[in-house]
Amino acid sequence: MSDNPYDPKAHARLLTDYCINAQPGERVLVQTTTQALPLVEELHRLLLERGATPLIRLEYPTQLDDFYRLAPDALLDNTEALLLAEVESIDASIRLLTPSAPAEGLDPQRVARHRKAMNPVARARAARRWNLSLYPTAYGAQAANMSLPEYEAFVSSAMFLDTPDPVAKWGEIRDLQAGLIERLVRASEVRIVGEDTDLTLNIQGRTWVNSDGKRNMPSGEVFTGPIETSANGQILFDLPTVYGGAAVRNVRLTFKDGLVVDAHAEEGEAALLAALDTDDGARWLGELGIGSNAGIQAPSQNILFDEKIGGTVHLALGNGYPETGGTNVSALHWDLIKDLRQGGQILLDGEVFQDGGRFV
């Protein structure tokens, strides 16, 4: 491992030139916390060099947590008009996650209310070119049970920043996933089987998307929107996650005709139930995704990475993607992950597609 495994300049170049393909005269919004300043500085310089106008929106690391705790109802339940106007004025956006410790004592109901109020902003952002990425932090390393240099190397490797030509490597991922989609588009029923899991979904007529780093960096998944009323059975999501600052672990959901009819979590159940009560669309599925990134094998307690782990499957509660044919609308879009590498299977119309995390 090198002394400096993570290179913000290489990361900025990949985000600017490959992920959003910034063009002269375009307005590009960069949103993150002050923890990501080294990457923000490189992005600012590079966007200017490309002739784009960078709009930098920085928060201190616990700013959103403080808002959830302290904001009066008038602020909590209303769309932030200035941010909406800003997002409506841009051509592309880059959001950078900066992993930090889960906040203690947040009211999950207040988190859900604010997310619902900010849904117009999220939808305006989604209507433009966008990318979600991550800057490696000390807490991110701690959550992943790594030293900071090890975590920086992990992040760099997952994005192929440690290779001579990251864009070429993402082209290889695209080709691999195109082969998976060739088989998936011929299927009508998907069945997921594993520990405490037997769930069926219908995907007939839906479109599969080849996620090759343009929207998420890193990426490495294929996804679609299952037919909204088709989910039946139960599933245990065994990789831990975070919602609204609360740690959530071992989520068990039961579906009947697409709707979540029973929900439990070993940890963070209050956050789970608050998320499901966000709005009328929160108890329905908006996404089925299959991870394919063999370069990400260990969970790091960060959804951006963990949902891409080769040998996992994830389902998103809430908002769907219209490009897949999905019709569910919600302020919630929360990916929950099932690890299939220890004996789980994905079956397409009764035929094994993936066994023990390996594509057949």
Protein backbone atom coordinates (compact mmCIF):
# COMPACT_ATOMS: atom_id res chain seq x y z
CA MET A 1 0.00 0.00 0.00
CA SER A 2 1.35 3.43 -0.89
CA ASP A 3 1.80 6.20 1.69
CA ASN A 4 -0.92 8.24 -0.06
CA PRO A 5 -3.41 5.70 -1.42
CA TYR A 6 -6.20 8.23 -2.04
CA ASP A 7 -5.67 11.05 -4.54
CA PRO A 8 -8.33 13.83 -4.42
CA LYS A 9 -7.15 15.18 -7.77
CA ALA A 10 -7.74 11.83 -9.51
CA HIS A 11 -11.13 11.58 -7.80
CA ALA A 12 -12.10 15.09 -8.92
CA ARG A 13 -11.04 14.34 -12.49
CA LEU A 14 -13.18 11.19 -12.60
CA LEU A 15 -16.23 13.01 -11.19
CA THR A 16 -15.88 16.03 -13.47
CA ASP A 17 -14.91 14.42 -16.76
CA TYR A 18 -16.54 10.98 -16.60
CA CYS A 19 -19.40 11.04 -14.10
CA ILE A 20 -21.08 14.34 -14.98
CA ASN A 21 -19.07 15.28 -18.12
CA ALA A 22 -19.01 18.98 -17.22
CA GLN A 23 -19.18 21.30 -20.23
CA PRO A 24 -18.26 24.98 -20.74
CA GLY A 25 -20.99 27.34 -19.56
CA GLU A 26 -22.72 24.78 -17.34
CA ARG A 27 -23.59 25.39 -13.69
CA VAL A 28 -22.48 22.55 -11.43
CA LEU A 29 -23.59 22.31 -7.78
CA VAL A 30 -21.17 20.65 -5.33
CA GLN A 31 -22.74 19.71 -1.97
CA THR A 32 -20.87 18.22 0.98
CA THR A 33 -19.45 19.01 4.42
CA THR A 34 -16.25 20.77 5.38
CA GLN A 35 -14.63 17.37 5.96
CA ALA A 36 -14.27 16.98 2.18
CA LEU A 37 -12.41 20.26 1.60
CA PRO A 38 -9.38 18.69 -0.14
CA LEU A 39 -11.68 17.15 -2.76
CA VAL A 40 -13.86 20.27 -2.99
CA GLU A 41 -10.81 22.40 -3.76
CA GLU A 42 -9.78 20.07 -6.59
CA LEU A 43 -13.32 20.00 -7.98
CA HIS A 44 -13.58 23.79 -7.87
CA ARG A 45 -10.34 24.24 -9.78
CA LEU A 46 -11.12 21.55 -12.33
CA LEU A 47 -14.64 22.78 -13.04
CA LEU A 48 -13.28 26.26 -13.65
CA GLU A 49 -10.65 24.84 -15.99
CA ARG A 50 -13.45 23.09 -17.92
CA GLY A 51 -15.29 26.41 -18.31
CA ALA A 52 -18.10 25.43 -15.94
CA THR A 53 -19.46 27.56 -13.08
CA PRO A 54 -19.03 25.72 -9.76
CA LEU A 55 -21.57 26.42 -7.00
CA ILE A 56 -20.11 25.19 -3.71
CA ARG A 57 -22.55 24.43 -0.88
CA LEU A 58 -20.73 23.41 2.33
CA GLU A 59 -22.16 22.39 5.71
CA TYR A 60 -20.39 21.69 8.97
CA PRO A 61 -20.45 17.93 9.72
CA THR A 62 -23.36 17.93 12.22
CA GLN A 63 -25.37 20.75 10.64
CA LEU A 64 -28.26 18.55 9.49
CA ASP A 65 -28.43 16.80 12.88
CA ASP A 66 -28.73 20.18 14.57
CA PHE A 67 -31.48 21.16 12.14
CA TYR A 68 -33.46 18.00 12.95
CA ARG A 69 -33.17 18.74 16.68
CA LEU A 70 -33.77 22.48 16.76
CA ALA A 71 -35.80 23.59 13.74
CA PRO A 72 -39.33 24.86 14.48
CA ASP A 73 -42.19 23.18 12.64
CA ALA A 74 -42.42 26.01 10.12
CA LEU A 75 -38.91 25.18 8.91
CA LEU A 76 -39.15 21.43 9.33
CA ASP A 77 -42.26 21.03 7.18
CA ASN A 78 -41.49 23.49 4.38
CA THR A 79 -39.33 23.15 1.29
CA GLU A 80 -36.20 25.27 1.44
CA ALA A 81 -37.08 27.70 -1.36
CA LEU A 82 -33.55 28.98 -1.94
CA LEU A 83 -32.12 25.48 -2.35
CA LEU A 84 -34.96 24.52 -4.70
CA ALA A 85 -34.32 27.59 -6.84
CA GLU A 86 -30.61 26.80 -6.85
CA VAL A 87 -31.15 23.19 -7.95
CA GLU A 88 -33.60 24.29 -10.64
CA SER A 89 -30.92 26.63 -12.03
CA ILE A 90 -28.14 24.04 -12.45
CA ASP A 91 -27.14 21.62 -15.19
CA ALA A 92 -25.50 18.97 -12.98
CA SER A 93 -24.70 18.21 -9.36
CA ILE A 94 -22.12 16.32 -7.33
CA ARG A 95 -22.91 15.28 -3.76
CA LEU A 96 -20.14 13.96 -1.55
CA LEU A 97 -20.87 11.83 1.48
CA THR A 98 -18.56 12.31 4.47
CA PRO A 99 -19.23 9.42 6.86
CA SER A 100 -19.68 10.57 10.46
CA ALA A 101 -20.93 9.02 13.70
CA PRO A 102 -24.70 8.38 13.90
CA ALA A 103 -26.42 11.15 15.82
CA GLU A 104 -27.90 10.20 19.18
CA GLY A 105 -31.37 11.18 20.30
CA LEU A 106 -32.80 12.31 16.96
CA ASP A 107 -36.56 11.97 16.58
CA PRO A 108 -37.06 9.78 13.49
CA GLN A 109 -40.48 11.34 12.92
CA ARG A 110 -38.87 14.77 12.52
CA VAL A 111 -36.31 13.32 10.10
CA ALA A 112 -39.09 11.78 8.00
CA ARG A 113 -41.11 15.02 8.01
CA HIS A 114 -38.18 17.08 6.74
CA ARG A 115 -37.31 14.56 4.03
CA LYS A 116 -40.90 14.72 2.84
CA ALA A 117 -40.75 18.53 2.74
CA MET A 118 -37.50 18.42 0.74
CA ASN A 119 -38.84 15.97 -1.85
CA PRO A 120 -39.30 18.72 -4.51
CA VAL A 121 -35.57 19.48 -4.22
CA ALA A 122 -34.66 15.81 -4.60
CA ARG A 123 -36.90 15.46 -7.65
CA ALA A 124 -35.47 18.61 -9.26
CA ARG A 125 -31.94 17.27 -8.71
CA ALA A 126 -32.87 13.88 -10.16
CA ALA A 127 -34.15 15.57 -13.33
CA ARG A 128 -30.61 16.77 -14.09
CA ARG A 129 -27.25 15.03 -14.42
CA TRP A 130 -26.11 14.02 -10.94
CA ASN A 131 -23.53 11.96 -9.14
CA LEU A 132 -23.24 10.76 -5.56
CA SER A 133 -19.77 9.93 -4.27
CA LEU A 134 -17.83 9.77 -1.00
CA TYR A 135 -14.81 11.35 0.63
CA PRO A 136 -12.98 9.02 3.04
CA THR A 137 -13.14 10.18 6.67
CA ALA A 138 -11.75 8.91 9.95
CA TYR A 139 -15.19 7.78 11.09
CA GLY A 140 -15.74 5.99 7.79
CA ALA A 141 -12.57 4.04 8.47
CA GLN A 142 -13.70 3.24 12.01
CA ALA A 143 -17.11 2.00 10.82
CA ALA A 144 -15.39 -0.22 8.26
CA ASN A 145 -12.97 -1.59 10.89
CA MET A 146 -10.00 -0.20 9.01
CA SER A 147 -7.23 2.28 9.66
CA LEU A 148 -7.62 5.55 7.76
CA PRO A 149 -4.88 4.62 5.22
CA GLU A 150 -6.55 1.24 4.70
CA TYR A 151 -9.94 2.89 4.22
CA GLU A 152 -8.51 5.42 1.77
CA ALA A 153 -7.03 2.54 -0.21
CA PHE A 154 -10.40 0.73 -0.07
CA VAL A 155 -12.23 3.80 -1.41
CA SER A 156 -9.61 4.36 -4.09
CA SER A 157 -9.72 0.74 -5.24
CA ALA A 158 -13.54 0.66 -5.36
CA MET A 159 -13.45 3.62 -7.77
CA PHE A 160 -10.43 2.27 -9.71
CA LEU A 161 -8.53 5.45 -8.84
CA ASP A 162 -5.50 3.23 -8.21
CA THR A 163 -5.37 2.14 -11.87
CA PRO A 164 -3.73 3.96 -14.81
CA ASP A 165 -7.11 4.45 -16.57
CA PRO A 166 -10.17 4.43 -14.25
CA VAL A 167 -12.53 5.26 -17.12
CA ALA A 168 -11.42 2.13 -19.01
CA LYS A 169 -12.06 0.02 -15.92
CA TRP A 170 -15.59 1.42 -15.65
CA GLY A 171 -16.04 0.42 -19.28
CA GLU A 172 -15.21 -3.17 -18.29
CA ILE A 173 -17.85 -3.02 -15.54
CA ARG A 174 -20.37 -1.71 -18.07
CA ASP A 175 -19.67 -4.65 -20.41
CA LEU A 176 -19.96 -7.22 -17.61
CA GLN A 177 -23.29 -5.82 -16.49
CA ALA A 178 -24.62 -5.67 -20.05
CA GLY A 179 -24.25 -9.45 -20.12
CA LEU A 180 -26.26 -9.78 -16.90
CA ILE A 181 -29.01 -7.57 -18.28
CA GLU A 182 -29.26 -9.71 -21.42
CA ARG A 183 -30.48 -12.55 -19.19
CA LEU A 184 -32.55 -10.44 -16.79
CA VAL A 185 -34.68 -8.82 -19.50
CA ARG A 186 -35.99 -12.24 -20.51
CA ALA A 187 -37.35 -12.94 -17.01
CA SER A 188 -40.77 -12.26 -15.54
CA GLU A 189 -40.37 -13.43 -11.95
CA VAL A 190 -37.46 -12.90 -9.57
CA ARG A 191 -37.28 -15.02 -6.44
CA ILE A 192 -34.80 -14.24 -3.65
CA VAL A 193 -34.06 -17.11 -1.26
CA GLY A 194 -31.78 -17.14 1.79
CA GLU A 195 -31.72 -17.02 5.56
CA ASP A 196 -35.20 -16.01 6.78
CA THR A 197 -35.90 -14.97 3.18
CA ASP A 198 -38.25 -16.14 0.46
CA LEU A 199 -39.51 -13.23 -1.63
CA THR A 200 -40.93 -13.10 -5.16
CA LEU A 201 -41.17 -10.05 -7.41
CA ASN A 202 -42.48 -9.50 -10.93
CA ILE A 203 -40.29 -7.53 -13.34
CA GLN A 204 -42.01 -8.29 -16.63
CA GLY A 205 -41.82 -5.34 -19.00
CA ARG A 206 -39.57 -3.32 -16.71
CA THR A 207 -36.25 -1.83 -17.86
CA TRP A 208 -32.90 -2.76 -16.29
CA VAL A 209 -30.31 0.00 -15.86
CA ASN A 210 -26.58 -0.62 -16.23
CA SER A 211 -25.06 1.44 -13.39
CA ASP A 212 -21.51 2.14 -14.50
CA GLY A 213 -20.42 5.02 -12.25
CA LYS A 214 -22.23 7.86 -13.95
CA ARG A 215 -24.64 8.38 -11.02
CA ASN A 216 -22.90 6.61 -8.17
CA MET A 217 -19.14 6.57 -7.74
CA PRO A 218 -18.32 3.84 -6.95
CA SER A 219 -20.97 1.78 -8.69
CA GLY A 220 -21.29 -1.76 -9.95
CA GLU A 221 -24.93 -2.81 -9.99
CA VAL A 222 -27.86 -3.45 -12.29
CA PHE A 223 -31.27 -2.29 -11.12
CA THR A 224 -34.89 -2.01 -12.09
CA GLY A 225 -38.25 -1.13 -10.58
CA PRO A 226 -40.32 -4.21 -9.74
CA ILE A 227 -44.03 -4.11 -10.53
CA GLU A 228 -45.36 -2.25 -7.55
CA THR A 229 -48.02 -4.77 -6.46
CA SER A 230 -45.91 -7.89 -7.03
CA ALA A 231 -43.78 -8.37 -3.89
CA ASN A 232 -44.90 -11.32 -1.78
CA GLY A 233 -43.05 -13.09 1.00
CA GLN A 234 -40.48 -12.09 3.59
CA ILE A 235 -36.86 -10.96 3.61
CA LEU A 236 -34.12 -10.39 6.18
CA PHE A 237 -31.73 -7.54 5.33
CA ASP A 238 -28.59 -8.59 7.18
CA LEU A 239 -26.14 -5.80 6.37
CA PRO A 240 -26.36 -2.86 8.83
CA THR A 241 -27.39 0.59 7.63
CA VAL A 242 -28.24 4.08 8.88
CA TYR A 243 -31.44 6.10 8.53
CA GLY A 244 -31.72 9.70 9.71
CA GLY A 245 -28.65 9.35 11.90
CA ALA A 246 -29.89 6.14 13.58
CA ALA A 247 -28.12 2.79 13.24
CA VAL A 248 -30.49 0.13 11.87
CA ARG A 249 -29.67 -3.59 11.86
CA ASN A 250 -31.32 -6.86 10.81
CA VAL A 251 -34.46 -5.46 9.21
CA ARG A 252 -37.21 -8.03 8.59
CA LEU A 253 -40.00 -7.12 6.20
CA THR A 254 -43.08 -9.04 5.10
CA PHE A 255 -44.80 -8.08 1.83
CA LYS A 256 -48.29 -8.84 0.59
CA ASP A 257 -49.19 -7.79 -2.96
CA GLY A 258 -46.40 -5.22 -2.91
CA LEU A 259 -47.14 -3.60 0.44
CA VAL A 260 -45.05 -3.92 3.61
CA VAL A 261 -47.50 -5.46 6.09
CA ASP A 262 -45.03 -6.29 8.89
CA ALA A 263 -41.69 -4.71 9.80
CA HIS A 264 -39.17 -5.30 12.55
CA ALA A 265 -35.53 -4.43 13.22
CA GLU A 266 -33.16 -5.84 15.81
CA GLU A 267 -31.77 -2.32 16.24
CA GLY A 268 -33.30 0.98 15.17
CA GLU A 269 -36.90 -0.21 14.83
CA ALA A 270 -38.28 3.25 15.63
CA ALA A 271 -36.33 4.69 12.69
CA LEU A 272 -37.58 1.89 10.43
CA LEU A 273 -41.22 2.48 11.35
CA ALA A 274 -40.85 6.25 10.96
CA ALA A 275 -39.40 5.75 7.49
CA LEU A 276 -42.30 3.49 6.51
CA ASP A 277 -44.73 6.20 7.65
CA THR A 278 -43.06 8.96 5.61
CA ASP A 279 -45.91 9.03 3.09
CA ASP A 280 -48.26 6.77 1.13
CA GLY A 281 -45.48 5.48 -1.13
CA ALA A 282 -42.97 4.54 1.57
CA ARG A 283 -44.32 1.00 2.17
CA TRP A 284 -43.96 0.02 -1.49
CA LEU A 285 -40.78 -0.91 -3.39
CA GLY A 286 -39.12 1.46 -5.83
CA GLU A 287 -36.04 -0.57 -6.76
CA LEU A 288 -34.53 -4.04 -7.04
CA GLY A 289 -30.74 -3.96 -7.42
CA ILE A 290 -28.09 -6.65 -7.82
CA GLY A 291 -24.52 -5.82 -6.78
CA SER A 292 -21.70 -6.87 -9.12
CA ASN A 293 -18.56 -5.02 -7.97
CA ALA A 294 -16.08 -7.76 -7.10
CA GLY A 295 -13.67 -5.07 -5.89
CA ILE A 296 -15.97 -4.39 -2.90
CA GLN A 297 -16.21 -7.51 -0.76
CA ALA A 298 -16.32 -6.27 2.86
CA PRO A 299 -19.22 -4.19 4.18
CA SER A 300 -18.19 -0.72 5.35
CA GLN A 301 -21.55 0.36 6.84
CA ASN A 302 -22.01 2.82 3.99
CA ILE A 303 -24.86 2.16 1.57
CA LEU A 304 -23.06 3.69 -1.41
CA PHE A 305 -20.44 0.94 -1.22
CA ASP A 306 -22.30 -1.91 0.46
CA GLU A 307 -25.15 -2.12 -2.08
CA LYS A 308 -22.55 -2.69 -4.82
CA ILE A 309 -20.88 -5.69 -3.13
CA GLY A 310 -20.73 -8.57 -5.57
CA GLY A 311 -23.04 -11.29 -4.24
CA THR A 312 -25.62 -9.01 -2.63
CA VAL A 313 -29.10 -7.89 -3.57
CA HIS A 314 -30.85 -4.74 -2.37
CA LEU A 315 -34.39 -3.43 -2.35
CA ALA A 316 -35.31 0.22 -1.97
CA LEU A 317 -38.37 1.24 -0.03
CA GLY A 318 -40.13 4.24 -1.53
CA ASN A 319 -39.46 6.26 -4.64
CA GLY A 320 -38.89 4.47 -7.93
CA TYR A 321 -36.95 5.44 -11.05
CA PRO A 322 -39.18 6.36 -14.01
CA GLU A 323 -36.52 5.18 -16.49
CA THR A 324 -37.07 1.62 -15.22
CA GLY A 325 -40.82 1.86 -15.64
CA GLY A 326 -41.31 2.35 -11.91
CA THR A 327 -44.32 4.38 -10.88
CA ASN A 328 -44.03 4.57 -7.09
CA VAL A 329 -43.63 8.11 -5.74
CA SER A 330 -42.30 8.86 -2.26
CA ALA A 331 -39.99 11.21 -0.40
CA LEU A 332 -38.28 8.05 0.85
CA HIS A 333 -35.73 6.04 -1.12
CA TRP A 334 -33.94 3.73 1.31
CA ASP A 335 -31.82 0.84 0.07
CA LEU A 336 -31.67 -2.25 2.29
CA ILE A 337 -29.15 -5.00 1.56
CA LYS A 338 -29.29 -8.81 1.66
CA ASP A 339 -26.01 -10.77 1.54
CA LEU A 340 -26.44 -13.92 -0.56
CA ARG A 341 -22.85 -15.16 -0.45
CA GLN A 342 -23.52 -17.78 2.25
CA GLY A 343 -26.00 -20.02 0.50
CA GLY A 344 -28.52 -17.52 -0.87
CA GLN A 345 -29.93 -17.64 -4.38
CA ILE A 346 -31.59 -15.48 -7.03
CA LEU A 347 -33.90 -17.40 -9.35
CA LEU A 348 -35.37 -16.13 -12.61
CA ASP A 349 -38.63 -17.89 -13.53
CA GLY A 350 -37.48 -20.80 -11.37
CA GLU A 351 -34.00 -21.04 -12.94
CA VAL A 352 -30.94 -20.29 -10.78
CA PHE A 353 -29.31 -17.01 -11.84
CA GLN A 354 -27.03 -16.52 -8.85
CA ASP A 355 -25.97 -19.11 -6.28
CA GLY A 356 -23.95 -18.28 -3.17
CA GLY A 357 -23.12 -14.87 -4.60
CA ARG A 358 -21.83 -16.19 -7.94
CA PHE A 359 -23.62 -15.68 -11.25
CA VAL A 360 -24.40 -19.01 -12.85
